[in-house]
Amino acid sequence: MSKDIIAVAFADEGREAPRYWGTIAHKPESVRKLIKQLSKADTTLEICYEAGPTGYELYRDTKRLAQLFRAGELTTAVYVPSRDDEALRDLIRARTDAREDYHRSMQRVIHFLLRLDVVNTKQGK
């Protein structure tokens, strides 16, 4: 799945196995259209959603998510970060990734120099 798609599954009341419905575009109007399609006068829809960096790869998990929701096992409210909080988290992740990339690059250079028997004079050798 991509960040442009939402995977949809249903878990009707009872013990029937959840079923995979398909995918819709990851757009508010697509969600509204699906809800309108599913709404009936005598039915109450309960909806849950799992979000991640790109909406996660929900294809494999949608039926299980619907089943857990139906069973009442998804009761924890989710904190939706403000745009500023989300931007800060992205910045922290980018900094961490850059530090890890730098460390890995330095290790590669050190190992390369060791293979060539080049000694680092700053370490006192």
N, C-alpha and C. Protein backbone atom coordinates (compact mmCIF):
# COMPACT_ATOMS: atom_id res chain seq x y z
N MET A 1 0.85 -1.18 0.00
CA MET A 1 0.00 0.00 0.00
C MET A 1 0.89 1.24 0.00
N SER A 2 0.32 2.33 -0.40
CA SER A 2 1.08 3.58 -0.40
C SER A 2 0.39 4.58 0.50
N LYS A 3 1.02 5.71 0.65
CA LYS A 3 0.42 6.75 1.49
C LYS A 3 -0.83 7.34 0.85
N ASP A 4 -1.11 7.00 -0.40
CA ASP A 4 -2.27 7.54 -1.10
C ASP A 4 -3.51 6.66 -1.00
N ILE A 5 -3.38 5.54 -0.26
CA ILE A 5 -4.47 4.55 -0.23
C ILE A 5 -4.80 4.19 1.21
N ILE A 6 -6.08 4.00 1.49
CA ILE A 6 -6.55 3.50 2.78
C ILE A 6 -7.14 2.12 2.54
N ALA A 7 -6.69 1.13 3.30
CA ALA A 7 -7.25 -0.21 3.22
C ALA A 7 -8.44 -0.27 4.17
N VAL A 8 -9.52 -0.93 3.74
CA VAL A 8 -10.77 -0.96 4.50
C VAL A 8 -11.17 -2.40 4.78
N ALA A 9 -11.59 -2.66 6.02
CA ALA A 9 -12.11 -3.98 6.40
C ALA A 9 -13.30 -3.76 7.33
N PHE A 10 -14.17 -4.77 7.41
CA PHE A 10 -15.36 -4.70 8.24
C PHE A 10 -15.39 -5.85 9.23
N ALA A 11 -15.93 -5.58 10.40
CA ALA A 11 -16.21 -6.63 11.38
C ALA A 11 -17.63 -6.39 11.86
N ASP A 12 -18.58 -7.10 11.27
CA ASP A 12 -19.97 -6.96 11.68
C ASP A 12 -20.14 -7.49 13.10
N GLU A 13 -21.26 -7.12 13.71
CA GLU A 13 -21.54 -7.63 15.06
C GLU A 13 -21.55 -9.15 15.03
N GLY A 14 -21.18 -9.74 16.14
CA GLY A 14 -21.18 -11.20 16.23
C GLY A 14 -19.79 -11.76 16.09
N ARG A 15 -19.74 -13.03 15.76
CA ARG A 15 -18.46 -13.73 15.70
C ARG A 15 -17.98 -14.00 14.28
N GLU A 16 -18.70 -13.48 13.32
CA GLU A 16 -18.30 -13.68 11.92
C GLU A 16 -16.91 -13.10 11.69
N ALA A 17 -16.14 -13.76 10.85
CA ALA A 17 -14.78 -13.29 10.57
C ALA A 17 -14.83 -11.93 9.88
N PRO A 18 -13.93 -11.03 10.24
CA PRO A 18 -13.87 -9.75 9.54
C PRO A 18 -13.56 -9.99 8.06
N ARG A 19 -13.98 -9.06 7.24
CA ARG A 19 -13.72 -9.23 5.81
C ARG A 19 -13.05 -7.99 5.24
N TYR A 20 -12.15 -8.22 4.33
CA TYR A 20 -11.44 -7.16 3.64
C TYR A 20 -12.35 -6.61 2.56
N TRP A 21 -12.57 -5.30 2.55
CA TRP A 21 -13.46 -4.68 1.59
C TRP A 21 -12.70 -4.21 0.35
N GLY A 22 -11.53 -3.62 0.57
CA GLY A 22 -10.74 -3.09 -0.55
C GLY A 22 -10.02 -1.83 -0.13
N THR A 23 -9.72 -0.99 -1.09
CA THR A 23 -9.01 0.25 -0.80
C THR A 23 -9.77 1.43 -1.36
N ILE A 24 -9.51 2.58 -0.76
CA ILE A 24 -10.05 3.84 -1.27
C ILE A 24 -8.90 4.84 -1.29
N ALA A 25 -9.09 5.91 -2.01
CA ALA A 25 -8.09 6.97 -2.04
C ALA A 25 -7.98 7.62 -0.67
N HIS A 26 -6.81 8.03 -0.30
CA HIS A 26 -6.57 8.65 1.00
C HIS A 26 -6.92 10.14 0.92
N LYS A 27 -8.22 10.40 0.73
CA LYS A 27 -8.72 11.77 0.60
C LYS A 27 -10.00 11.89 1.40
N PRO A 28 -10.24 13.04 2.02
CA PRO A 28 -11.45 13.21 2.82
C PRO A 28 -12.73 12.90 2.03
N GLU A 29 -12.78 13.31 0.77
CA GLU A 29 -14.01 13.06 0.00
C GLU A 29 -14.23 11.57 -0.24
N SER A 30 -13.16 10.79 -0.35
CA SER A 30 -13.31 9.34 -0.52
C SER A 30 -13.83 8.69 0.75
N VAL A 31 -13.35 9.17 1.89
CA VAL A 31 -13.83 8.64 3.17
C VAL A 31 -15.29 9.00 3.36
N ARG A 32 -15.65 10.25 3.06
CA ARG A 32 -17.06 10.65 3.17
C ARG A 32 -17.95 9.81 2.27
N LYS A 33 -17.50 9.55 1.04
CA LYS A 33 -18.28 8.75 0.10
C LYS A 33 -18.48 7.33 0.62
N LEU A 34 -17.42 6.74 1.18
CA LEU A 34 -17.53 5.38 1.72
C LEU A 34 -18.50 5.35 2.90
N ILE A 35 -18.41 6.32 3.79
CA ILE A 35 -19.31 6.36 4.94
C ILE A 35 -20.75 6.52 4.49
N LYS A 36 -20.97 7.35 3.49
CA LYS A 36 -22.33 7.54 2.95
C LYS A 36 -22.85 6.23 2.35
N GLN A 37 -21.97 5.51 1.63
CA GLN A 37 -22.35 4.23 1.03
C GLN A 37 -22.76 3.22 2.10
N LEU A 38 -22.04 3.21 3.21
CA LEU A 38 -22.25 2.21 4.24
C LEU A 38 -23.35 2.57 5.23
N SER A 39 -23.72 3.83 5.29
CA SER A 39 -24.70 4.28 6.27
C SER A 39 -26.09 3.81 5.92
N LYS A 40 -26.75 3.27 6.93
CA LYS A 40 -28.16 2.87 6.79
C LYS A 40 -28.90 3.49 7.96
N ALA A 41 -30.20 3.66 7.82
CA ALA A 41 -31.00 4.30 8.87
C ALA A 41 -30.93 3.54 10.19
N ASP A 42 -30.89 2.21 10.14
CA ASP A 42 -30.92 1.41 11.37
C ASP A 42 -29.53 0.92 11.80
N THR A 43 -28.47 1.51 11.25
CA THR A 43 -27.11 1.06 11.54
C THR A 43 -26.27 2.20 12.10
N THR A 44 -25.49 1.86 13.10
CA THR A 44 -24.52 2.81 13.63
C THR A 44 -23.14 2.34 13.21
N LEU A 45 -22.42 3.18 12.51
CA LEU A 45 -21.06 2.85 12.11
C LEU A 45 -20.10 3.25 13.21
N GLU A 46 -19.17 2.36 13.53
CA GLU A 46 -18.07 2.68 14.42
C GLU A 46 -16.81 2.49 13.61
N ILE A 47 -15.95 3.49 13.62
CA ILE A 47 -14.80 3.50 12.72
C ILE A 47 -13.52 3.64 13.52
N CYS A 48 -12.52 2.88 13.12
CA CYS A 48 -11.20 3.07 13.71
C CYS A 48 -10.20 3.22 12.57
N TYR A 49 -9.06 3.80 12.90
CA TYR A 49 -8.07 4.10 11.88
C TYR A 49 -6.70 3.95 12.51
N GLU A 50 -5.77 3.37 11.78
CA GLU A 50 -4.39 3.26 12.24
C GLU A 50 -3.54 4.13 11.35
N ALA A 51 -2.77 5.00 11.97
CA ALA A 51 -1.93 5.92 11.22
C ALA A 51 -0.47 5.67 11.51
N GLY A 52 0.35 6.02 10.57
CA GLY A 52 1.78 5.86 10.74
C GLY A 52 2.51 6.85 9.86
N PRO A 53 3.79 6.67 9.67
CA PRO A 53 4.56 7.63 8.88
C PRO A 53 3.97 7.84 7.50
N THR A 54 3.50 6.79 6.88
CA THR A 54 2.85 6.93 5.58
C THR A 54 1.52 6.20 5.58
N GLY A 55 0.90 6.10 6.75
CA GLY A 55 -0.36 5.39 6.85
C GLY A 55 -0.15 3.90 7.08
N TYR A 56 1.09 3.50 7.26
CA TYR A 56 1.47 2.10 7.42
C TYR A 56 0.99 1.24 6.26
N GLU A 57 1.48 0.08 6.21
CA GLU A 57 1.01 -0.88 5.22
C GLU A 57 -0.13 -1.63 5.87
N LEU A 58 -1.35 -1.15 5.65
CA LEU A 58 -2.50 -1.67 6.38
C LEU A 58 -3.14 -2.90 5.73
N TYR A 59 -2.75 -3.23 4.53
CA TYR A 59 -3.43 -4.31 3.82
C TYR A 59 -3.54 -5.57 4.66
N ARG A 60 -2.41 -5.99 5.28
CA ARG A 60 -2.42 -7.24 6.06
C ARG A 60 -3.13 -7.08 7.39
N ASP A 61 -3.23 -5.87 7.88
CA ASP A 61 -3.72 -5.65 9.25
C ASP A 61 -5.15 -5.19 9.35
N THR A 62 -5.79 -4.84 8.24
CA THR A 62 -7.11 -4.22 8.35
C THR A 62 -8.15 -5.13 8.97
N LYS A 63 -8.17 -6.41 8.58
CA LYS A 63 -9.16 -7.32 9.15
C LYS A 63 -8.94 -7.50 10.64
N ARG A 64 -7.68 -7.62 11.04
CA ARG A 64 -7.37 -7.79 12.47
C ARG A 64 -7.73 -6.52 13.24
N LEU A 65 -7.48 -5.37 12.67
CA LEU A 65 -7.83 -4.11 13.30
C LEU A 65 -9.34 -4.01 13.50
N ALA A 66 -10.10 -4.38 12.47
CA ALA A 66 -11.57 -4.36 12.58
C ALA A 66 -12.04 -5.33 13.66
N GLN A 67 -11.43 -6.50 13.73
CA GLN A 67 -11.80 -7.50 14.73
C GLN A 67 -11.50 -6.99 16.15
N LEU A 68 -10.34 -6.41 16.35
CA LEU A 68 -9.97 -5.88 17.67
C LEU A 68 -10.90 -4.73 18.07
N PHE A 69 -11.26 -3.89 17.11
CA PHE A 69 -12.16 -2.78 17.39
C PHE A 69 -13.53 -3.30 17.80
N ARG A 70 -14.04 -4.28 17.06
CA ARG A 70 -15.34 -4.87 17.38
C ARG A 70 -15.34 -5.47 18.77
N ALA A 71 -14.22 -6.08 19.17
CA ALA A 71 -14.12 -6.73 20.47
C ALA A 71 -13.91 -5.72 21.60
N GLY A 72 -13.78 -4.44 21.25
CA GLY A 72 -13.59 -3.42 22.27
C GLY A 72 -12.17 -3.35 22.80
N GLU A 73 -11.23 -3.93 22.06
CA GLU A 73 -9.85 -3.96 22.51
C GLU A 73 -9.03 -2.76 22.03
N LEU A 74 -9.65 -1.88 21.28
CA LEU A 74 -8.98 -0.65 20.83
C LEU A 74 -9.65 0.53 21.52
N THR A 75 -9.43 0.64 22.79
CA THR A 75 -10.13 1.67 23.55
C THR A 75 -9.27 2.88 23.87
N THR A 76 -7.98 2.79 23.63
CA THR A 76 -7.09 3.89 23.97
C THR A 76 -7.24 5.03 22.97
N ALA A 77 -7.50 6.20 23.49
CA ALA A 77 -7.57 7.38 22.61
C ALA A 77 -6.17 7.69 22.12
N VAL A 78 -6.09 8.19 20.93
CA VAL A 78 -4.81 8.49 20.31
C VAL A 78 -4.57 9.99 20.35
N TYR A 79 -3.36 10.37 20.74
CA TYR A 79 -2.99 11.78 20.70
C TYR A 79 -2.60 12.12 19.27
N VAL A 80 -3.31 13.04 18.69
CA VAL A 80 -2.97 13.51 17.35
C VAL A 80 -2.12 14.76 17.53
N PRO A 81 -0.85 14.70 17.15
CA PRO A 81 0.03 15.83 17.40
C PRO A 81 -0.36 17.06 16.58
N SER A 82 -0.05 18.21 17.15
CA SER A 82 -0.26 19.46 16.41
C SER A 82 0.75 19.49 15.26
N ARG A 83 0.55 20.38 14.33
CA ARG A 83 1.49 20.50 13.20
C ARG A 83 2.89 20.83 13.72
N ASP A 84 2.97 21.67 14.76
CA ASP A 84 4.29 22.01 15.32
C ASP A 84 4.95 20.80 15.97
N ASP A 85 4.17 20.02 16.73
CA ASP A 85 4.71 18.80 17.35
C ASP A 85 5.19 17.82 16.29
N GLU A 86 4.40 17.66 15.25
CA GLU A 86 4.76 16.74 14.18
C GLU A 86 6.03 17.21 13.46
N ALA A 87 6.14 18.52 13.24
CA ALA A 87 7.34 19.06 12.59
C ALA A 87 8.57 18.84 13.47
N LEU A 88 8.42 19.01 14.79
CA LEU A 88 9.53 18.78 15.70
C LEU A 88 9.94 17.30 15.69
N ARG A 89 8.97 16.41 15.70
CA ARG A 89 9.28 14.98 15.63
C ARG A 89 10.00 14.63 14.34
N ASP A 90 9.57 15.22 13.23
CA ASP A 90 10.25 14.98 11.95
C ASP A 90 11.68 15.48 11.99
N LEU A 91 11.88 16.64 12.60
CA LEU A 91 13.23 17.21 12.70
C LEU A 91 14.12 16.31 13.57
N ILE A 92 13.59 15.83 14.68
CA ILE A 92 14.37 14.94 15.55
C ILE A 92 14.72 13.65 14.83
N ARG A 93 13.76 13.08 14.11
CA ARG A 93 14.03 11.86 13.34
C ARG A 93 15.10 12.10 12.28
N ALA A 94 15.01 13.24 11.59
CA ALA A 94 16.00 13.55 10.55
C ALA A 94 17.39 13.71 11.16
N ARG A 95 17.47 14.36 12.31
CA ARG A 95 18.76 14.54 12.99
C ARG A 95 19.33 13.19 13.41
N THR A 96 18.50 12.34 13.99
CA THR A 96 18.94 11.01 14.41
C THR A 96 19.43 10.21 13.21
N ASP A 97 18.67 10.25 12.12
CA ASP A 97 19.09 9.54 10.90
C ASP A 97 20.43 10.06 10.38
N ALA A 98 20.60 11.38 10.39
CA ALA A 98 21.85 11.97 9.91
C ALA A 98 23.03 11.55 10.79
N ARG A 99 22.82 11.52 12.10
CA ARG A 99 23.90 11.09 13.01
C ARG A 99 24.25 9.63 12.77
N GLU A 100 23.25 8.78 12.58
CA GLU A 100 23.50 7.37 12.30
C GLU A 100 24.23 7.20 10.97
N ASP A 101 23.82 7.95 9.95
CA ASP A 101 24.50 7.90 8.66
C ASP A 101 25.96 8.32 8.80
N TYR A 102 26.19 9.39 9.54
CA TYR A 102 27.55 9.87 9.77
C TYR A 102 28.39 8.79 10.47
N HIS A 103 27.83 8.20 11.51
CA HIS A 103 28.55 7.16 12.26
C HIS A 103 28.90 5.97 11.36
N ARG A 104 27.93 5.51 10.57
CA ARG A 104 28.18 4.38 9.66
C ARG A 104 29.24 4.74 8.63
N SER A 105 29.18 5.96 8.10
CA SER A 105 30.19 6.38 7.12
C SER A 105 31.57 6.41 7.74
N MET A 106 31.67 6.94 8.94
CA MET A 106 32.98 6.98 9.62
C MET A 106 33.50 5.57 9.88
N GLN A 107 32.63 4.66 10.25
CA GLN A 107 33.05 3.28 10.47
C GLN A 107 33.57 2.65 9.18
N ARG A 108 32.89 2.93 8.07
CA ARG A 108 33.35 2.40 6.78
C ARG A 108 34.73 2.95 6.43
N VAL A 109 34.96 4.24 6.65
CA VAL A 109 36.26 4.85 6.35
C VAL A 109 37.33 4.25 7.25
N ILE A 110 37.04 4.11 8.54
CA ILE A 110 38.01 3.53 9.48
C ILE A 110 38.37 2.11 9.08
N HIS A 111 37.36 1.31 8.75
CA HIS A 111 37.63 -0.08 8.35
C HIS A 111 38.43 -0.14 7.05
N PHE A 112 38.13 0.76 6.13
CA PHE A 112 38.88 0.83 4.88
C PHE A 112 40.34 1.16 5.16
N LEU A 113 40.58 2.15 6.00
CA LEU A 113 41.95 2.54 6.34
C LEU A 113 42.69 1.42 7.07
N LEU A 114 41.98 0.71 7.93
CA LEU A 114 42.61 -0.42 8.63
C LEU A 114 43.03 -1.51 7.64
N ARG A 115 42.19 -1.76 6.65
CA ARG A 115 42.54 -2.78 5.64
C ARG A 115 43.79 -2.37 4.86
N LEU A 116 43.96 -1.07 4.69
CA LEU A 116 45.15 -0.57 3.99
C LEU A 116 46.33 -0.36 4.93
N ASP A 117 46.12 -0.69 6.21
CA ASP A 117 47.15 -0.54 7.24
C ASP A 117 47.56 0.92 7.44
N VAL A 118 46.58 1.81 7.29
CA VAL A 118 46.80 3.23 7.54
C VAL A 118 46.40 3.49 8.99
N VAL A 119 47.34 4.13 9.75
CA VAL A 119 47.10 4.33 11.18
C VAL A 119 46.58 5.74 11.43
N ASN A 120 45.60 5.86 12.33
CA ASN A 120 45.06 7.16 12.71
C ASN A 120 46.02 7.80 13.71
N THR A 121 46.70 8.86 13.30
CA THR A 121 47.71 9.49 14.16
C THR A 121 47.08 10.24 15.33
N LYS A 122 45.81 10.58 15.25
CA LYS A 122 45.13 11.29 16.36
C LYS A 122 44.89 10.36 17.54
N GLN A 123 44.94 9.05 17.34
CA GLN A 123 44.72 8.11 18.43
C GLN A 123 46.04 7.70 19.07
N GLY A 124 47.14 8.32 18.70
CA GLY A 124 48.40 8.09 19.36
C GLY A 124 49.21 6.92 18.83
N LYS A 125 48.90 6.39 17.68
CA LYS A 125 49.68 5.28 17.12
C LYS A 125 50.74 5.76 16.19
